[in-house]
PDB file of N, CA and C in Angstrom:
ATOM      1  N   MET A   1     179.829  22.937 138.671  1.00  0.00           N
ATOM      2  CA  MET A   1     180.924  23.140 139.591  1.00  0.00           C
ATOM      3  C   MET A   1     182.243  23.119 138.819  1.00  0.00           C
ATOM      4  N   ARG A   2     183.091  24.066 139.103  1.00  0.00           N
ATOM      5  CA  ARG A   2     184.369  24.176 138.389  1.00  0.00           C
ATOM      6  C   ARG A   2     185.439  23.351 139.084  1.00  0.00           C
ATOM      7  N   ASP A   3     186.361  22.876 138.293  1.00  0.00           N
ATOM      8  CA  ASP A   3     187.503  22.132 138.821  1.00  0.00           C
ATOM      9  C   ASP A   3     188.553  23.138 139.288  1.00  0.00           C
ATOM     10  N   ASN A   4     188.889  23.120 140.563  1.00  0.00           N
ATOM     11  CA  ASN A   4     189.830  24.083 141.128  1.00  0.00           C
ATOM     12  C   ASN A   4     191.237  23.520 141.289  1.00  0.00           C
ATOM     13  N   THR A   5     191.577  22.467 140.540  1.00  0.00           N
ATOM     14  CA  THR A   5     192.916  21.899 140.654  1.00  0.00           C
ATOM     15  C   THR A   5     193.858  22.562 139.654  1.00  0.00           C
ATOM     16  N   VAL A   6     195.105  22.590 140.014  1.00  0.00           N
ATOM     17  CA  VAL A   6     196.137  23.164 139.159  1.00  0.00           C
ATOM     18  C   VAL A   6     197.206  22.113 138.952  1.00  0.00           C
ATOM     19  N   ASP A   7     197.593  21.903 137.710  1.00  0.00           N
ATOM     20  CA  ASP A   7     198.653  20.953 137.401  1.00  0.00           C
ATOM     21  C   ASP A   7     199.992  21.636 137.650  1.00  0.00           C
ATOM     22  N   LEU A   8     200.748  21.102 138.598  1.00  0.00           N
ATOM     23  CA  LEU A   8     202.018  21.727 138.970  1.00  0.00           C
ATOM     24  C   LEU A   8     203.220  21.075 138.303  1.00  0.00           C
ATOM     25  N   GLY A   9     202.996  20.063 137.496  1.00  0.00           N
ATOM     26  CA  GLY A   9     204.107  19.437 136.797  1.00  0.00           C
ATOM     27  C   GLY A   9     204.241  17.966 137.128  1.00  0.00           C
ATOM     28  N   VAL A  10     205.405  17.428 136.838  1.00  0.00           N
ATOM     29  CA  VAL A  10     205.679  16.002 136.964  1.00  0.00           C
ATOM     30  C   VAL A  10     206.680  15.771 138.094  1.00  0.00           C
ATOM     31  N   VAL A  11     206.479  14.697 138.827  1.00  0.00           N
ATOM     32  CA  VAL A  11     207.446  14.293 139.845  1.00  0.00           C
ATOM     33  C   VAL A  11     208.172  13.063 139.315  1.00  0.00           C
ATOM     34  N   GLN A  12     209.476  13.139 139.274  1.00  0.00           N
ATOM     35  CA  GLN A  12     210.290  12.005 138.837  1.00  0.00           C
ATOM     36  C   GLN A  12     211.158  11.555 140.002  1.00  0.00           C
ATOM     37  N   ILE A  13     211.252  10.255 140.171  1.00  0.00           N
ATOM     38  CA  ILE A  13     212.058   9.689 141.250  1.00  0.00           C
ATOM     39  C   ILE A  13     213.180   8.871 140.618  1.00  0.00           C
ATOM     40  N   HIS A  14     214.405   9.220 140.926  1.00  0.00           N
ATOM     41  CA  HIS A  14     215.559   8.529 140.360  1.00  0.00           C
ATOM     42  C   HIS A  14     215.659   7.121 140.935  1.00  0.00           C
ATOM     43  N   LYS A  15     216.183   6.203 140.141  1.00  0.00           N
ATOM     44  CA  LYS A  15     216.367   4.818 140.595  1.00  0.00           C
ATOM     45  C   LYS A  15     217.235   4.748 141.846  1.00  0.00           C
ATOM     46  N   LYS A  16     218.183   5.652 141.973  1.00  0.00           N
ATOM     47  CA  LYS A  16     219.071   5.656 143.130  1.00  0.00           C
ATOM     48  C   LYS A  16     218.293   5.887 144.423  1.00  0.00           C
ATOM     49  N   VAL A  17     217.238   6.689 144.361  1.00  0.00           N
ATOM     50  CA  VAL A  17     216.416   6.956 145.541  1.00  0.00           C
ATOM     51  C   VAL A  17     215.754   5.660 146.010  1.00  0.00           C
ATOM     52  N   ILE A  18     215.227   4.893 145.074  1.00  0.00           N
ATOM     53  CA  ILE A  18     214.597   3.620 145.424  1.00  0.00           C
ATOM     54  C   ILE A  18     215.642   2.670 146.008  1.00  0.00           C
ATOM     55  N   GLY A  19     216.850   2.677 145.438  1.00  0.00           N
ATOM     56  CA  GLY A  19     217.936   1.860 145.976  1.00  0.00           C
ATOM     57  C   GLY A  19     218.329   2.277 147.385  1.00  0.00           C
ATOM     58  N   ASP A  20     218.360   3.580 147.632  1.00  0.00           N
ATOM     59  CA  ASP A  20     218.683   4.079 148.976  1.00  0.00           C
ATOM     60  C   ASP A  20     217.625   3.652 149.989  1.00  0.00           C
ATOM     61  N   ILE A  21     216.366   3.695 149.583  1.00  0.00           N
ATOM     62  CA  ILE A  21     215.274   3.275 150.470  1.00  0.00           C
ATOM     63  C   ILE A  21     215.398   1.791 150.787  1.00  0.00           C
ATOM     64  N   ALA A  22     215.677   0.977 149.774  1.00  0.00           N
ATOM     65  CA  ALA A  22     215.829  -0.470 149.976  1.00  0.00           C
ATOM     66  C   ALA A  22     217.008  -0.766 150.901  1.00  0.00           C
ATOM     67  N   ALA A  23     218.131  -0.068 150.703  1.00  0.00           N
ATOM     68  CA  ALA A  23     219.310  -0.283 151.544  1.00  0.00           C
ATOM     69  C   ALA A  23     219.031   0.113 152.988  1.00  0.00           C
ATOM     70  N   ALA A  24     218.317   1.203 153.189  1.00  0.00           N
ATOM     71  CA  ALA A  24     217.983   1.639 154.546  1.00  0.00           C
ATOM     72  C   ALA A  24     217.027   0.658 155.215  1.00  0.00           C
ATOM     73  N   ALA A  25     216.109   0.091 154.445  1.00  0.00           N
ATOM     74  CA  ALA A  25     215.125  -0.842 155.003  1.00  0.00           C
ATOM     75  C   ALA A  25     215.795  -2.111 155.525  1.00  0.00           C
ATOM     76  N   ILE A  26     216.876  -2.530 154.899  1.00  0.00           N
ATOM     77  CA  ILE A  26     217.588  -3.742 155.311  1.00  0.00           C
ATOM     78  C   ILE A  26     218.108  -3.616 156.743  1.00  0.00           C
ATOM     79  N   LYS A  27     218.429  -2.402 157.150  1.00  0.00           N
ATOM     80  CA  LYS A  27     218.978  -2.184 158.491  1.00  0.00           C
ATOM     81  C   LYS A  27     217.987  -2.530 159.590  1.00  0.00           C
ATOM     82  N   GLU A  28     216.695  -2.640 159.247  1.00  0.00           N
ATOM     83  CA  GLU A  28     215.673  -3.005 160.226  1.00  0.00           C
ATOM     84  C   GLU A  28     215.702  -4.489 160.586  1.00  0.00           C
ATOM     85  N   ILE A  29     216.370  -5.291 159.777  1.00  0.00           N
ATOM     86  CA  ILE A  29     216.336  -6.743 159.959  1.00  0.00           C
ATOM     87  C   ILE A  29     217.608  -7.195 160.679  1.00  0.00           C
ATOM     88  N   PRO A  30     217.478  -7.748 161.887  1.00  0.00           N
ATOM     89  CA  PRO A  30     218.667  -8.206 162.608  1.00  0.00           C
ATOM     90  C   PRO A  30     219.304  -9.394 161.916  1.00  0.00           C
ATOM     91  N   GLY A  31     220.630  -9.392 161.881  1.00  0.00           N
ATOM     92  CA  GLY A  31     221.365 -10.510 161.296  1.00  0.00           C
ATOM     93  C   GLY A  31     221.515 -10.436 159.795  1.00  0.00           C
ATOM     94  N   VAL A  32     221.173  -9.306 159.195  1.00  0.00           N
ATOM     95  CA  VAL A  32     221.272  -9.130 157.751  1.00  0.00           C
ATOM     96  C   VAL A  32     222.034  -7.842 157.471  1.00  0.00           C
ATOM     97  N   SER A  33     222.949  -7.893 156.499  1.00  0.00           N
ATOM     98  CA  SER A  33     223.642  -6.687 156.073  1.00  0.00           C
ATOM     99  C   SER A  33     223.840  -6.730 154.567  1.00  0.00           C
ATOM    100  N   LEU A  34     224.045  -5.564 153.996  1.00  0.00           N
ATOM    101  CA  LEU A  34     224.317  -5.500 152.569  1.00  0.00           C
ATOM    102  C   LEU A  34     225.681  -6.103 152.279  1.00  0.00           C
ATOM    103  N   ALA A  35     225.791  -6.786 151.164  1.00  0.00           N
ATOM    104  CA  ALA A  35     227.085  -7.308 150.739  1.00  0.00           C
ATOM    105  C   ALA A  35     227.967  -6.117 150.366  1.00  0.00           C
ATOM    106  N   THR A  36     229.205  -6.141 150.799  1.00  0.00           N
ATOM    107  CA  THR A  36     230.110  -5.040 150.507  1.00  0.00           C
ATOM    108  C   THR A  36     230.857  -5.316 149.210  1.00  0.00           C
ATOM    109  N   CYS A  37     231.249  -4.245 148.578  1.00  0.00           N
ATOM    110  CA  CYS A  37     231.956  -4.372 147.295  1.00  0.00           C
ATOM    111  C   CYS A  37     233.297  -3.667 147.360  1.00  0.00           C
ATOM    112  N   GLY A  38     234.120  -4.075 148.280  1.00  0.00           N
ATOM    113  CA  GLY A  38     235.494  -3.602 148.314  1.00  0.00           C
ATOM    114  C   GLY A  38     235.722  -2.284 149.013  1.00  0.00           C
ATOM    115  N   ILE A  39     236.944  -1.807 148.871  1.00  0.00           N
ATOM    116  CA  ILE A  39     237.393  -0.633 149.597  1.00  0.00           C
ATOM    117  C   ILE A  39     236.852   0.666 149.006  1.00  0.00           C
ATOM    118  N   VAL A  40     236.521   0.685 147.713  1.00  0.00           N
ATOM    119  CA  VAL A  40     236.022   1.912 147.096  1.00  0.00           C
ATOM    120  C   VAL A  40     234.719   2.351 147.764  1.00  0.00           C
ATOM    121  N   GLY A  41     233.811   1.413 148.028  1.00  0.00           N
ATOM    122  CA  GLY A  41     232.558   1.738 148.708  1.00  0.00           C
ATOM    123  C   GLY A  41     232.805   2.255 150.109  1.00  0.00           C
ATOM    124  N   SER A  42     233.779   1.674 150.803  1.00  0.00           N
ATOM    125  CA  SER A  42     234.101   2.111 152.157  1.00  0.00           C
ATOM    126  C   SER A  42     234.667   3.521 152.166  1.00  0.00           C
ATOM    127  N   ILE A  43     235.515   3.838 151.209  1.00  0.00           N
ATOM    128  CA  ILE A  43     236.094   5.181 151.121  1.00  0.00           C
ATOM    129  C   ILE A  43     235.006   6.205 150.803  1.00  0.00           C
ATOM    130  N   ALA A  44     234.115   5.866 149.878  1.00  0.00           N
ATOM    131  CA  ALA A  44     233.036   6.786 149.510  1.00  0.00           C
ATOM    132  C   ALA A  44     232.141   7.062 150.716  1.00  0.00           C
ATOM    133  N   GLU A  45     231.819   6.020 151.481  1.00  0.00           N
ATOM    134  CA  GLU A  45     230.969   6.207 152.661  1.00  0.00           C
ATOM    135  C   GLU A  45     231.678   7.043 153.722  1.00  0.00           C
ATOM    136  N   ALA A  46     233.006   6.903 153.839  1.00  0.00           N
ATOM    137  CA  ALA A  46     233.763   7.680 154.811  1.00  0.00           C
ATOM    138  C   ALA A  46     233.671   9.172 154.517  1.00  0.00           C
ATOM    139  N   PHE A  47     233.523   9.526 153.228  1.00  0.00           N
ATOM    140  CA  PHE A  47     233.396  10.933 152.848  1.00  0.00           C
ATOM    141  C   PHE A  47     231.941  11.390 152.739  1.00  0.00           C
ATOM    142  N   GLY A  48     231.027  10.544 153.198  1.00  0.00           N
ATOM    143  CA  GLY A  48     229.627  10.940 153.244  1.00  0.00           C
ATOM    144  C   GLY A  48     228.800  10.586 152.027  1.00  0.00           C
ATOM    145  N   TYR A  49     229.395   9.892 151.065  1.00  0.00           N
ATOM    146  CA  TYR A  49     228.633   9.506 149.875  1.00  0.00           C
ATOM    147  C   TYR A  49     227.936   8.185 150.124  1.00  0.00           C
ATOM    148  N   LYS A  50     226.677   8.124 149.743  1.00  0.00           N
ATOM    149  CA  LYS A  50     225.947   6.867 149.848  1.00  0.00           C
ATOM    150  C   LYS A  50     226.237   6.071 148.587  1.00  0.00           C
ATOM    151  N   ASN A  51     226.796   4.907 148.787  1.00  0.00           N
ATOM    152  CA  ASN A  51     227.137   4.060 147.658  1.00  0.00           C
ATOM    153  C   ASN A  51     226.686   2.648 147.998  1.00  0.00           C
ATOM    154  N   TYR A  52     225.683   2.162 147.291  1.00  0.00           N
ATOM    155  CA  TYR A  52     225.144   0.836 147.569  1.00  0.00           C
ATOM    156  C   TYR A  52     225.262  -0.042 146.329  1.00  0.00           C
ATOM    157  N   PRO A  53     226.469  -0.535 146.037  1.00  0.00           N
ATOM    158  CA  PRO A  53     226.609  -1.405 144.865  1.00  0.00           C
ATOM    159  C   PRO A  53     225.886  -2.735 145.033  1.00  0.00           C
ATOM    160  N   ALA A  54     225.438  -3.054 146.240  1.00  0.00           N
ATOM    161  CA  ALA A  54     224.721  -4.301 146.477  1.00  0.00           C
ATOM    162  C   ALA A  54     223.235  -4.181 146.143  1.00  0.00           C
ATOM    163  N   VAL A  55     222.809  -3.005 145.705  1.00  0.00           N
ATOM    164  CA  VAL A  55     221.408  -2.790 145.346  1.00  0.00           C
ATOM    165  C   VAL A  55     221.350  -2.339 143.893  1.00  0.00           C
ATOM    166  N   THR A  56     220.566  -3.057 143.093  1.00  0.00           N
ATOM    167  CA  THR A  56     220.381  -2.699 141.692  1.00  0.00           C
ATOM    168  C   THR A  56     218.893  -2.467 141.453  1.00  0.00           C
ATOM    169  N   VAL A  57     218.580  -1.328 140.889  1.00  0.00           N
ATOM    170  CA  VAL A  57     217.192  -1.000 140.566  1.00  0.00           C
ATOM    171  C   VAL A  57     217.092  -0.890 139.051  1.00  0.00           C
ATOM    172  N   SER A  58     216.102  -1.579 138.480  1.00  0.00           N
ATOM    173  CA  SER A  58     215.913  -1.516 137.035  1.00  0.00           C
ATOM    174  C   SER A  58     214.458  -1.205 136.709  1.00  0.00           C
ATOM    175  N   VAL A  59     214.273  -0.551 135.565  1.00  0.00           N
ATOM    176  CA  VAL A  59     212.943  -0.206 135.080  1.00  0.00           C
ATOM    177  C   VAL A  59     212.789  -0.847 133.708  1.00  0.00           C
ATOM    178  N   ASP A  60     211.742  -1.665 133.537  1.00  0.00           N
ATOM    179  CA  ASP A  60     211.561  -2.347 132.258  1.00  0.00           C
ATOM    180  C   ASP A  60     210.797  -1.460 131.275  1.00  0.00           C
ATOM    181  N   LYS A  61     210.554  -1.983 130.078  1.00  0.00           N
ATOM    182  CA  LYS A  61     209.912  -1.193 129.017  1.00  0.00           C
ATOM    183  C   LYS A  61     208.489  -0.767 129.377  1.00  0.00           C
ATOM    184  N   ASP A  62     207.850  -1.477 130.301  1.00  0.00           N
ATOM    185  CA  ASP A  62     206.505  -1.116 130.751  1.00  0.00           C
ATOM    186  C   ASP A  62     206.538  -0.214 131.973  1.00  0.00           C
ATOM    187  N   THR A  63     207.707   0.341 132.279  1.00  0.00           N
ATOM    188  CA  THR A  63     207.975   1.215 133.439  1.00  0.00           C
ATOM    189  C   THR A  63     207.670   0.549 134.775  1.00  0.00           C
ATOM    190  N   GLN A  64     207.816  -0.763 134.832  1.00  0.00           N
ATOM    191  CA  GLN A  64     207.697  -1.464 136.107  1.00  0.00           C
ATOM    192  C   GLN A  64     209.087  -1.562 136.728  1.00  0.00           C
ATOM    193  N   VAL A  65     209.143  -1.335 138.031  1.00  0.00           N
ATOM    194  CA  VAL A  65     210.412  -1.246 138.750  1.00  0.00           C
ATOM    195  C   VAL A  65     210.704  -2.557 139.474  1.00  0.00           C
ATOM    196  N   SER A  66     211.963  -3.011 139.346  1.00  0.00           N
ATOM    197  CA  SER A  66     212.433  -4.213 140.037  1.00  0.00           C
ATOM    198  C   SER A  66     213.670  -3.855 140.851  1.00  0.00           C
ATOM    199  N   VAL A  67     213.841  -4.568 141.958  1.00  0.00           N
ATOM    200  CA  VAL A  67     215.006  -4.365 142.816  1.00  0.00           C
ATOM    201  C   VAL A  67     215.714  -5.694 142.998  1.00  0.00           C
ATOM    202  N   GLU A  68     217.033  -5.670 142.865  1.00  0.00           N
ATOM    203  CA  GLU A  68     217.847  -6.828 143.228  1.00  0.00           C
ATOM    204  C   GLU A  68     218.764  -6.381 144.351  1.00  0.00           C
ATOM    205  N   ILE A  69     218.806  -7.175 145.410  1.00  0.00           N
ATOM    206  CA  ILE A  69     219.617  -6.811 146.568  1.00  0.00           C
ATOM    207  C   ILE A  69     220.480  -7.995 146.962  1.00  0.00           C
ATOM    208  N   ARG A  70     221.757  -7.724 147.186  1.00  0.00           N
ATOM    209  CA  ARG A  70     222.716  -8.750 147.576  1.00  0.00           C
ATOM    210  C   ARG A  70     223.048  -8.553 149.054  1.00  0.00           C
ATOM    211  N   VAL A  71     222.840  -9.616 149.839  1.00  0.00           N
ATOM    212  CA  VAL A  71     222.995  -9.501 151.282  1.00  0.00           C
ATOM    213  C   VAL A  71     223.856 -10.616 151.853  1.00  0.00           C
ATOM    214  N   ILE A  72     224.275 -10.379 153.089  1.00  0.00           N
ATOM    215  CA  ILE A  72     224.980 -11.370 153.900  1.00  0.00           C
ATOM    216  C   ILE A  72     224.104 -11.594 155.131  1.00  0.00           C
ATOM    217  N   ILE A  73     223.918 -12.865 155.507  1.00  0.00           N
ATOM    218  CA  ILE A  73     223.130 -13.149 156.704  1.00  0.00           C
ATOM    219  C   ILE A  73     223.960 -13.952 157.684  1.00  0.00           C
ATOM    220  N   TYR A  74     223.529 -13.915 158.939  1.00  0.00           N
ATOM    221  CA  TYR A  74     224.226 -14.656 159.982  1.00  0.00           C
ATOM    222  C   TYR A  74     223.953 -16.144 159.870  1.00  0.00           C
ATOM    223  N   TYR A  75     224.962 -16.916 160.220  1.00  0.00           N
ATOM    224  CA  TYR A  75     224.847 -18.364 160.268  1.00  0.00           C
ATOM    225  C   TYR A  75     223.774 -18.762 161.277  1.00  0.00           C
ATOM    226  N   GLY A  76     222.977 -19.754 160.922  1.00  0.00           N
ATOM    227  CA  GLY A  76     221.957 -20.272 161.817  1.00  0.00           C
ATOM    228  C   GLY A  76     220.567 -19.707 161.552  1.00  0.00           C
ATOM    229  N   MET A  77     220.474 -18.691 160.698  1.00  0.00           N
ATOM    230  CA  MET A  77     219.170 -18.113 160.384  1.00  0.00           C
ATOM    231  C   MET A  77     218.513 -18.935 159.271  1.00  0.00           C
ATOM    232  N   ASN A  78     217.194 -18.947 159.255  1.00  0.00           N
ATOM    233  CA  ASN A  78     216.435 -19.642 158.226  1.00  0.00           C
ATOM    234  C   ASN A  78     216.464 -18.786 156.960  1.00  0.00           C
ATOM    235  N   ILE A  79     217.236 -19.205 155.968  1.00  0.00           N
ATOM    236  CA  ILE A  79     217.484 -18.389 154.782  1.00  0.00           C
ATOM    237  C   ILE A  79     216.196 -18.048 154.019  1.00  0.00           C
ATOM    238  N   PRO A  80     215.327 -19.022 153.688  1.00  0.00           N
ATOM    239  CA  PRO A  80     214.101 -18.644 152.968  1.00  0.00           C
ATOM    240  C   PRO A  80     213.212 -17.678 153.749  1.00  0.00           C
ATOM    241  N   GLN A  81     213.122 -17.874 155.066  1.00  0.00           N
ATOM    242  CA  GLN A  81     212.304 -16.996 155.890  1.00  0.00           C
ATOM    243  C   GLN A  81     212.886 -15.578 155.916  1.00  0.00           C
ATOM    244  N   VAL A  82     214.198 -15.476 156.050  1.00  0.00           N
ATOM    245  CA  VAL A  82     214.846 -14.161 156.070  1.00  0.00           C
ATOM    246  C   VAL A  82     214.701 -13.481 154.710  1.00  0.00           C
ATOM    247  N   ALA A  83     214.829 -14.231 153.636  1.00  0.00           N
ATOM    248  CA  ALA A  83     214.681 -13.654 152.292  1.00  0.00           C
ATOM    249  C   ALA A  83     213.276 -13.092 152.092  1.00  0.00           C
ATOM    250  N   ARG A  84     212.260 -13.811 152.551  1.00  0.00           N
ATOM    251  CA  ARG A  84     210.880 -13.301 152.451  1.00  0.00           C
ATOM    252  C   ARG A  84     210.709 -12.047 153.302  1.00  0.00           C
ATOM    253  N   GLN A  85     211.334 -12.026 154.474  1.00  0.00           N
ATOM    254  CA  GLN A  85     211.257 -10.854 155.342  1.00  0.00           C
ATOM    255  C   GLN A  85     211.912  -9.649 154.656  1.00  0.00           C
ATOM    256  N   ILE A  86     213.036  -9.879 154.000  1.00  0.00           N
ATOM    257  CA  ILE A  86     213.721  -8.811 153.262  1.00  0.00           C
ATOM    258  C   ILE A  86     212.792  -8.256 152.177  1.00  0.00           C
ATOM    259  N   GLN A  87     212.151  -9.146 151.430  1.00  0.00           N
ATOM    260  CA  GLN A  87     211.231  -8.710 150.381  1.00  0.00           C
ATOM    261  C   GLN A  87     210.081  -7.883 150.968  1.00  0.00           C
ATOM    262  N   ASP A  88     209.513  -8.346 152.062  1.00  0.00           N
ATOM    263  CA  ASP A  88     208.391  -7.642 152.688  1.00  0.00           C
ATOM    264  C   ASP A  88     208.801  -6.256 153.185  1.00  0.00           C
ATOM    265  N   VAL A  89     209.950  -6.177 153.845  1.00  0.00           N
ATOM    266  CA  VAL A  89     210.410  -4.902 154.405  1.00  0.00           C
ATOM    267  C   VAL A  89     210.698  -3.897 153.290  1.00  0.00           C
ATOM    268  N   ILE A  90     211.347  -4.354 152.223  1.00  0.00           N
ATOM    269  CA  ILE A  90     211.653  -3.453 151.106  1.00  0.00           C
ATOM    270  C   ILE A  90     210.367  -2.997 150.416  1.00  0.00           C
ATOM    271  N   ALA A  91     209.454  -3.926 150.165  1.00  0.00           N
ATOM    272  CA  ALA A  91     208.189  -3.567 149.505  1.00  0.00           C
ATOM    273  C   ALA A  91     207.430  -2.525 150.314  1.00  0.00           C
ATOM    274  N   ARG A  92     207.352  -2.728 151.622  1.00  0.00           N
ATOM    275  CA  ARG A  92     206.640  -1.795 152.490  1.00  0.00           C
ATOM    276  C   ARG A  92     207.328  -0.425 152.505  1.00  0.00           C
ATOM    277  N   ALA A  93     208.648  -0.416 152.611  1.00  0.00           N
ATOM    278  CA  ALA A  93     209.388   0.850 152.676  1.00  0.00           C
ATOM    279  C   ALA A  93     209.240   1.649 151.382  1.00  0.00           C
ATOM    280  N   VAL A  94     209.352   0.986 150.240  1.00  0.00           N
ATOM    281  CA  VAL A  94     209.238   1.683 148.960  1.00  0.00           C
ATOM    282  C   VAL A  94     207.809   2.180 148.744  1.00  0.00           C
ATOM    283  N   THR A  95     206.835   1.351 149.064  1.00  0.00           N
ATOM    284  CA  THR A  95     205.436   1.761 148.912  1.00  0.00           C
ATOM    285  C   THR A  95     205.124   2.962 149.799  1.00  0.00           C
ATOM    286  N   ASP A  96     205.582   2.931 151.037  1.00  0.00           N
ATOM    287  CA  ASP A  96     205.328   4.035 151.964  1.00  0.00           C
ATOM    288  C   ASP A  96     206.019   5.328 151.529  1.00  0.00           C
ATOM    289  N   ALA A  97     207.248   5.218 151.012  1.00  0.00           N
ATOM    290  CA  ALA A  97     208.038   6.407 150.707  1.00  0.00           C
ATOM    291  C   ALA A  97     207.696   7.035 149.351  1.00  0.00           C
ATOM    292  N   VAL A  98     207.531   6.214 148.328  1.00  0.00           N
ATOM    293  CA  VAL A  98     207.362   6.780 146.983  1.00  0.00           C
ATOM    294  C   VAL A  98     206.076   6.342 146.292  1.00  0.00           C
ATOM    295  N   ASP A  99     205.259   5.561 146.978  1.00  0.00           N
ATOM    296  CA  ASP A  99     203.946   5.172 146.481  1.00  0.00           C
ATOM    297  C   ASP A  99     203.987   4.460 145.131  1.00  0.00           C
ATOM    298  N   ILE A 100     204.923   3.516 145.000  1.00  0.00           N
ATOM    299  CA  ILE A 100     204.924   2.652 143.822  1.00  0.00           C
ATOM    300  C   ILE A 100     204.991   1.203 144.298  1.00  0.00           C
ATOM    301  N   ASN A 101     204.417   0.332 143.506  1.00  0.00           N
ATOM    302  CA  ASN A 101     204.497  -1.093 143.785  1.00  0.00           C
ATOM    303  C   ASN A 101     205.588  -1.683 142.911  1.00  0.00           C
ATOM    304  N   LEU A 102     206.489  -2.412 143.533  1.00  0.00           N
ATOM    305  CA  LEU A 102     207.583  -3.016 142.793  1.00  0.00           C
ATOM    306  C   LEU A 102     207.110  -4.265 142.060  1.00  0.00           C
ATOM    307  N   LYS A 103     207.642  -4.464 140.868  1.00  0.00           N
ATOM    308  CA  LYS A 103     207.322  -5.655 140.086  1.00  0.00           C
ATOM    309  C   LYS A 103     207.875  -6.892 140.773  1.00  0.00           C
ATOM    310  N   GLU A 104     209.144  -6.803 141.174  1.00  0.00           N
ATOM    311  CA  GLU A 104     209.776  -7.919 141.866  1.00  0.00           C
ATOM    312  C   GLU A 104     210.927  -7.421 142.727  1.00  0.00           C
ATOM    313  N   ILE A 105     211.203  -8.200 143.765  1.00  0.00           N
ATOM    314  CA  ILE A 105     212.331  -7.934 144.653  1.00  0.00           C
ATOM    315  C   ILE A 105     213.119  -9.233 144.725  1.00  0.00           C
ATOM    316  N   ASN A 106     214.280  -9.242 144.098  1.00  0.00           N
ATOM    317  CA  ASN A 106     215.116 -10.437 144.069  1.00  0.00           C
ATOM    318  C   ASN A 106     216.185 -10.324 145.145  1.00  0.00           C
ATOM    319  N   VAL A 107     216.234 -11.325 146.008  1.00  0.00           N
ATOM    320  CA  VAL A 107     217.203 -11.349 147.105  1.00  0.00           C
ATOM    321  C   VAL A 107     218.278 -12.371 146.758  1.00  0.00           C
ATOM    322  N   ASN A 108     219.517 -11.911 146.740  1.00  0.00           N
ATOM    323  CA  ASN A 108     220.648 -12.766 146.425  1.00  0.00           C
ATOM    324  C   ASN A 108     221.509 -12.871 147.683  1.00  0.00           C
ATOM    325  N   ILE A 109     221.520 -14.062 148.295  1.00  0.00           N
ATOM    326  CA  ILE A 109     222.332 -14.281 149.496  1.00  0.00           C
ATOM    327  C   ILE A 109     223.766 -14.511 149.043  1.00  0.00           C
ATOM    328  N   GLN A 110     224.658 -13.575 149.347  1.00  0.00           N
ATOM    329  CA  GLN A 110     226.048 -13.631 148.907  1.00  0.00           C
ATOM    330  C   GLN A 110     226.928 -14.465 149.830  1.00  0.00           C
ATOM    331  N   ALA A 111     226.579 -14.469 151.124  1.00  0.00           N
ATOM    332  CA  ALA A 111     227.413 -15.187 152.081  1.00  0.00           C
ATOM    333  C   ALA A 111     226.636 -15.416 153.368  1.00  0.00           C
ATOM    334  N   VAL A 112     227.103 -16.386 154.109  1.00  0.00           N
ATOM    335  CA  VAL A 112     226.600 -16.653 155.458  1.00  0.00           C
ATOM    336  C   VAL A 112     227.794 -16.506 156.388  1.00  0.00           C
ATOM    337  N   GLU A 113     227.662 -15.628 157.386  1.00  0.00           N
ATOM    338  CA  GLU A 113     228.781 -15.355 158.298  1.00  0.00           C
ATOM    339  C   GLU A 113     228.357 -15.588 159.730  1.00  0.00           C
ATOM    340  N   ARG A 114     229.314 -15.921 160.540  1.00  0.00           N
ATOM    341  CA  ARG A 114     229.071 -16.015 161.980  1.00  0.00           C
ATOM    342  C   ARG A 114     229.116 -14.622 162.569  1.00  0.00           C
ATOM    343  N   PRO A 115     228.166 -14.316 163.467  1.00  0.00           N
ATOM    344  CA  PRO A 115     228.179 -12.988 164.091  1.00  0.00           C
ATOM    345  C   PRO A 115     229.417 -12.818 164.955  1.00  0.00           C
ATOM    346  N   ASN A 116     229.911 -11.587 165.023  1.00  0.00           N
ATOM    347  CA  ASN A 116     231.067 -11.301 165.884  1.00  0.00           C
ATOM    348  C   ASN A 116     230.648 -11.401 167.328  1.00  0.00           C
ATOM    349  N   SER A 117     231.385 -12.149 168.105  1.00  0.00           N
ATOM    350  CA  SER A 117     231.046 -12.328 169.529  1.00  0.00           C
ATOM    351  C   SER A 117     231.795 -11.353 170.398  1.00  0.00           C
TER     352      SER A 117
END
């Protein structure tokens, strides 16, 4: 039996794509938002550019991918529980979208804020 497959080339996924997926996944979690990095990010978003300085994606020498995400959570939430939820949501979103397993997902809580009433 002959092999009828054809090699169509290589698919490369930029680190920014993984960062965009992680940033979008955070929106699923109530009481959590990305840490903002000043007015430059706000201006870029106003013109339609996606700019997530609160998400850092790195690839090590063994081509394993890690994500660091800086977030703000609402006062009164269980921080360790929310951090684990953030890790789970990001891992699931990245696996579903680009079919890679992340080496690690580091969650950095930048601030705790009271929700606007």
